[in-house]
Amino acid sequence: GWSDAREGQYGRQLAAAGFTVLAVDSFGPRGIGGTAEDQTKLGVTDQARDAFAARKYLVSVGAAPERLAVMGFSRGAMVALRAADRTWLPSETERFALAIPFYPGCSARVRQPRPAASIFMALGEKDDYTGVKPCQELAANYAAAGGKITVKVYPDASHGFDGNPAYNKAYRLATIENYSDCVVMIEPDGRQSYGGQVLPAEDPGIFDLLRKGCMKKGATMWVNARQKEIATQDVIQFLDANFR
C-alpha cells in the first residue's frame, strides 16, 4: 500500500535532495487492503511487474534509464530484491541500476544469484517479523555471486521502524503470517524448492507447504524516529554516491 508517513515522507525528502520520485501502489487499484494475514492475495512478482512498468513510464517521460533506482518496504522490499536479480522476470532485460530494500522478507533465496543492481539493504536490529540473519545470508549469497551489496542494521529498530512516528510504543500484531524461519530455494529456472518438494515458479501452493512447516504467527513493531531520520540520510547518500 501507500502511506504519507512512509512513502510520502521519503518522497518529500528525496525530492528535496534533487531526485524525482514515483510511488507505486500495488494494493489499492487491485482492491487489496493488505496481505500480512494472507500472503497469497497478491504475488510479489506481480508487484515486481508493477515496478518495471513504472520504470518504463519514467523512461518514457525522459528519465535517464541508467539512473533509476527501486525502493521498497517489507513486501515492497522483496520487490526491490527481485528487481535486482535477473533470476526473477528474466524477460525484463532493462533493469534498475540500484535497489533499496528496507526490512525485506528474505525467505526466498536464489540458489545462483544473477546480480543486476547495486543494493543498499536496511534492517531493524530487533525485527522479529522478517528478521536480520535471513537477509544477511541472502546478502552474502548475492555478494558471492559478484553482486555489490551493503547491509546496514539499525539499532533498537523493529520491522517497519520508519513508519508513522505516532506509533513509537511497541505493539503486537498477533495474527500476521511470519515466515522468518522459512527458506525456499529458487532454482535458476525459477522453480521453488522446500522440504524436498519442488514446485513450479510462482506456484502459490508453496504457502500451503510453508504454513504446515515453518510459518508462525505474530510480530512486534514500533517506530524509531531517530533511526528513521538516519536511514533517510543513508538512502540519500547512497543515491548521491551512485548517481551524482
Protein backbone atom coordinates (compact mmCIF):
# COMPACT_ATOMS: atom_id res chain seq x y z
CA GLY A 1 0.00 0.00 0.00
CA TRP A 2 0.95 3.66 0.34
CA SER A 3 1.16 5.88 3.41
CA ASP A 4 2.03 9.53 3.80
CA ALA A 5 4.18 8.77 6.86
CA ARG A 6 6.41 6.40 4.91
CA GLU A 7 6.26 6.78 1.12
CA GLY A 8 5.17 10.40 1.45
CA GLN A 9 7.97 11.22 3.84
CA TYR A 10 10.65 9.56 1.74
CA GLY A 11 9.21 11.15 -1.39
CA ARG A 12 9.43 14.64 0.09
CA GLN A 13 12.94 14.10 1.48
CA LEU A 14 14.29 12.62 -1.74
CA ALA A 15 12.65 15.30 -3.85
CA ALA A 16 14.20 17.97 -1.62
CA ALA A 17 17.56 16.31 -2.26
CA GLY A 18 17.04 16.68 -6.01
CA PHE A 19 15.62 13.30 -7.01
CA THR A 20 12.43 12.54 -8.90
CA VAL A 21 10.19 10.10 -7.02
CA LEU A 22 7.31 7.96 -8.27
CA ALA A 23 5.39 6.00 -5.63
CA VAL A 24 3.60 2.84 -6.79
CA ASP A 25 0.53 1.46 -5.02
CA SER A 26 0.15 -2.20 -5.96
CA PHE A 27 -2.66 -2.82 -3.44
CA GLY A 28 -5.22 -0.04 -3.91
CA PRO A 29 -6.04 -0.48 -7.61
CA ARG A 30 -6.48 -4.21 -7.01
CA GLY A 31 -8.83 -3.65 -4.08
CA ILE A 32 -6.38 -5.15 -1.58
CA GLY A 33 -6.11 -3.65 1.88
CA GLY A 34 -3.14 -5.75 2.98
CA THR A 35 -1.51 -9.15 2.74
CA ALA A 36 0.02 -9.59 6.20
CA GLU A 37 -2.60 -12.16 7.26
CA ASP A 38 -2.73 -13.90 3.86
CA GLN A 39 0.31 -13.64 1.61
CA THR A 40 -1.48 -15.39 -1.26
CA LYS A 41 -3.67 -12.36 -2.02
CA LEU A 42 -1.05 -10.96 -4.39
CA GLY A 43 2.16 -12.39 -5.77
CA VAL A 44 5.34 -10.43 -5.08
CA THR A 45 6.41 -10.99 -8.66
CA ASP A 46 3.18 -9.32 -9.81
CA GLN A 47 4.28 -6.34 -7.77
CA ALA A 48 7.72 -6.53 -9.38
CA ARG A 49 5.97 -6.26 -12.74
CA ASP A 50 4.36 -3.06 -11.44
CA ALA A 51 7.84 -1.73 -10.61
CA PHE A 52 9.14 -2.47 -14.09
CA ALA A 53 6.05 -0.84 -15.59
CA ALA A 54 6.84 2.23 -13.50
CA ARG A 55 10.40 2.14 -14.79
CA LYS A 56 9.17 2.08 -18.39
CA TYR A 57 6.89 5.02 -17.64
CA LEU A 58 9.72 7.08 -16.17
CA VAL A 59 11.92 6.39 -19.19
CA SER A 60 9.03 7.38 -21.48
CA VAL A 61 8.83 10.82 -19.85
CA GLY A 62 12.55 11.48 -20.09
CA ALA A 63 14.24 9.83 -17.10
CA ALA A 64 17.75 8.56 -17.77
CA PRO A 65 17.48 4.73 -17.95
CA GLU A 66 20.87 4.23 -16.30
CA ARG A 67 19.95 6.44 -13.32
CA LEU A 68 16.88 4.70 -11.92
CA ALA A 69 16.53 3.03 -8.53
CA VAL A 70 13.79 0.90 -6.99
CA MET A 71 13.00 1.21 -3.28
CA GLY A 72 10.52 -0.73 -1.17
CA PHE A 73 9.46 -1.59 2.36
CA SER A 74 8.78 -5.10 3.68
CA ARG A 75 6.84 -6.67 0.80
CA GLY A 76 7.93 -3.80 -1.41
CA ALA A 77 11.49 -4.55 -0.36
CA MET A 78 11.02 -8.07 -1.70
CA VAL A 79 10.05 -6.39 -4.98
CA ALA A 80 13.33 -4.47 -4.90
CA LEU A 81 15.27 -7.70 -4.35
CA ARG A 82 13.54 -9.37 -7.28
CA ALA A 83 14.29 -6.39 -9.49
CA ALA A 84 17.95 -6.68 -8.50
CA ASP A 85 18.36 -10.32 -9.59
CA ARG A 86 17.87 -11.47 -13.18
CA THR A 87 16.63 -14.84 -11.98
CA TRP A 88 13.30 -13.10 -11.41
CA LEU A 89 11.43 -11.90 -14.52
CA PRO A 90 14.31 -12.70 -16.89
CA SER A 91 12.36 -11.22 -19.80
CA GLU A 92 12.93 -7.76 -18.25
CA THR A 93 16.26 -7.06 -19.89
CA GLU A 94 16.36 -3.39 -18.89
CA ARG A 95 16.86 -3.26 -15.11
CA PHE A 96 17.21 -0.72 -12.31
CA ALA A 97 20.73 0.44 -11.53
CA LEU A 98 20.12 0.46 -7.77
CA ALA A 99 17.83 -1.34 -5.35
CA ILE A 100 16.99 -0.16 -1.83
CA PRO A 101 15.09 -2.80 0.18
CA PHE A 102 14.01 -1.90 3.71
CA TYR A 103 13.46 -4.92 6.01
CA PRO A 104 12.52 -7.36 3.22
CA GLY A 105 11.28 -10.88 3.64
CA CYS A 106 14.33 -12.98 2.80
CA SER A 107 12.82 -16.46 2.85
CA ALA A 108 13.10 -16.83 -0.93
CA ARG A 109 16.80 -17.47 -1.67
CA VAL A 110 18.06 -17.61 -5.22
CA ARG A 111 20.39 -20.60 -5.46
CA GLN A 112 22.56 -18.99 -8.14
CA PRO A 113 22.05 -15.20 -7.96
CA ARG A 114 22.37 -13.19 -11.15
CA PRO A 115 23.10 -9.68 -9.83
CA ALA A 116 21.62 -6.82 -11.83
CA ALA A 117 21.84 -3.86 -9.41
CA SER A 118 23.84 -2.42 -6.57
CA ILE A 119 21.90 -2.84 -3.33
CA PHE A 120 21.59 -0.91 -0.09
CA MET A 121 19.62 -3.02 2.40
CA ALA A 122 18.24 -1.52 5.62
CA LEU A 123 17.34 -3.84 8.51
CA GLY A 124 15.99 -3.33 12.02
CA GLU A 125 18.16 -4.86 14.74
CA LYS A 126 15.13 -6.19 16.63
CA ASP A 127 13.00 -7.20 13.65
CA ASP A 128 11.14 -10.37 14.66
CA TYR A 129 8.92 -10.39 11.57
CA THR A 130 11.31 -10.86 8.64
CA GLY A 131 14.48 -10.99 10.71
CA VAL A 132 18.10 -9.92 10.33
CA LYS A 133 20.01 -13.17 9.86
CA PRO A 134 17.99 -14.41 6.85
CA CYS A 135 18.70 -11.18 5.00
CA GLN A 136 22.38 -11.20 5.93
CA GLU A 137 22.60 -14.71 4.49
CA LEU A 138 20.83 -13.62 1.32
CA ALA A 139 23.21 -10.66 1.04
CA ALA A 140 26.24 -12.93 1.45
CA ASN A 141 25.00 -15.13 -1.40
CA TYR A 142 24.44 -12.08 -3.60
CA ALA A 143 27.93 -10.78 -2.88
CA ALA A 144 29.48 -14.22 -3.50
CA ALA A 145 27.87 -14.16 -6.95
CA GLY A 146 29.64 -10.89 -7.72
CA GLY A 147 26.90 -8.52 -6.67
CA LYS A 148 27.55 -5.24 -4.90
CA ILE A 149 25.51 -5.02 -1.69
CA THR A 150 25.70 -3.04 1.53
CA VAL A 151 23.67 -4.08 4.58
CA LYS A 152 23.06 -1.72 7.48
CA VAL A 153 21.39 -2.83 10.71
CA TYR A 154 19.72 -0.01 12.64
CA PRO A 155 19.89 -0.37 16.44
CA ASP A 156 16.76 -0.54 18.60
CA ALA A 157 14.67 -0.80 15.43
CA SER A 158 11.89 -3.22 14.61
CA HIS A 159 10.22 -4.17 11.37
CA GLY A 160 8.60 -1.02 9.98
CA PHE A 161 10.75 1.21 12.17
CA ASP A 162 10.40 4.10 9.71
CA GLY A 163 6.61 4.35 9.67
CA ASN A 164 4.25 6.74 11.43
CA PRO A 165 6.13 8.32 14.38
CA ALA A 166 2.90 8.29 16.41
CA TYR A 167 3.44 4.52 16.86
CA ASN A 168 6.57 4.83 18.98
CA LYS A 169 5.49 2.25 21.57
CA ALA A 170 5.85 -1.47 20.95
CA TYR A 171 2.67 -3.15 19.75
CA ARG A 172 1.95 -6.77 18.92
CA LEU A 173 0.35 -7.96 15.69
CA ALA A 174 -0.69 -11.44 16.73
CA THR A 175 -2.42 -12.71 13.58
CA ILE A 176 0.03 -11.86 10.80
CA GLU A 177 1.84 -14.64 8.94
CA ASN A 178 5.51 -14.85 9.91
CA TYR A 179 7.86 -16.70 7.54
CA SER A 180 11.18 -15.67 9.09
CA ASP A 181 12.07 -19.30 9.88
CA CYS A 182 11.40 -20.45 6.31
CA VAL A 183 13.87 -20.93 3.46
CA VAL A 184 12.63 -21.52 -0.07
CA MET A 185 15.35 -22.08 -2.65
CA ILE A 186 14.69 -20.56 -6.06
CA GLU A 187 16.31 -22.62 -8.79
CA PRO A 188 17.89 -20.98 -11.87
CA ASP A 189 14.76 -21.77 -13.89
CA GLY A 190 12.50 -20.22 -11.24
CA ARG A 191 11.23 -23.42 -9.65
CA GLN A 192 10.73 -23.36 -5.88
CA SER A 193 12.28 -25.97 -3.56
CA TYR A 194 11.20 -26.55 0.03
CA GLY A 195 11.35 -29.59 2.27
CA GLY A 196 12.34 -31.91 -0.54
CA GLN A 197 9.46 -30.80 -2.75
CA VAL A 198 9.81 -28.80 -5.95
CA LEU A 199 7.02 -26.55 -7.23
CA PRO A 200 6.78 -24.57 -10.46
CA ALA A 201 7.82 -20.93 -10.49
CA GLU A 202 5.34 -18.66 -8.72
CA ASP A 203 3.11 -21.57 -7.70
CA PRO A 204 1.12 -20.22 -4.69
CA GLY A 205 0.95 -23.77 -3.38
CA ILE A 206 4.32 -23.07 -1.75
CA PHE A 207 2.42 -21.26 1.00
CA ASP A 208 0.49 -24.41 1.85
CA LEU A 209 3.81 -26.17 2.46
CA LEU A 210 5.20 -23.29 4.50
CA ARG A 211 2.10 -22.98 6.63
CA LYS A 212 2.35 -26.64 7.51
CA GLY A 213 6.08 -26.49 8.10
CA CYS A 214 7.85 -23.31 9.20
CA MET A 215 5.32 -20.49 9.38
CA LYS A 216 4.44 -18.96 12.73
CA LYS A 217 2.15 -16.12 13.73
CA GLY A 218 2.80 -12.65 15.05
CA ALA A 219 5.44 -9.92 15.34
CA THR A 220 6.17 -6.87 17.50
CA MET A 221 6.76 -3.46 15.96
CA TRP A 222 7.36 0.18 16.83
CA VAL A 223 8.66 3.28 15.09
CA ASN A 224 12.07 4.69 15.95
CA ALA A 225 12.02 8.28 14.71
CA ARG A 226 15.76 8.78 15.20
CA GLN A 227 16.69 5.70 13.17
CA LYS A 228 14.17 6.72 10.53
CA GLU A 229 15.96 10.07 10.20
CA ILE A 230 19.33 8.36 9.92
CA ALA A 231 18.02 5.84 7.38
CA THR A 232 16.63 8.64 5.24
CA GLN A 233 20.02 10.31 5.08
CA ASP A 234 21.67 6.97 4.35
CA VAL A 235 19.41 6.49 1.34
CA ILE A 236 20.20 9.97 0.04
CA GLN A 237 23.93 9.35 0.48
CA PHE A 238 23.66 6.02 -1.35
CA LEU A 239 21.87 7.67 -4.27
CA ASP A 240 24.33 10.55 -4.30
CA ALA A 241 27.31 8.22 -4.30
CA ASN A 242 26.00 6.34 -7.32
CA PHE A 243 24.14 8.98 -9.33
CA ARG A 244 25.86 12.32 -8.72
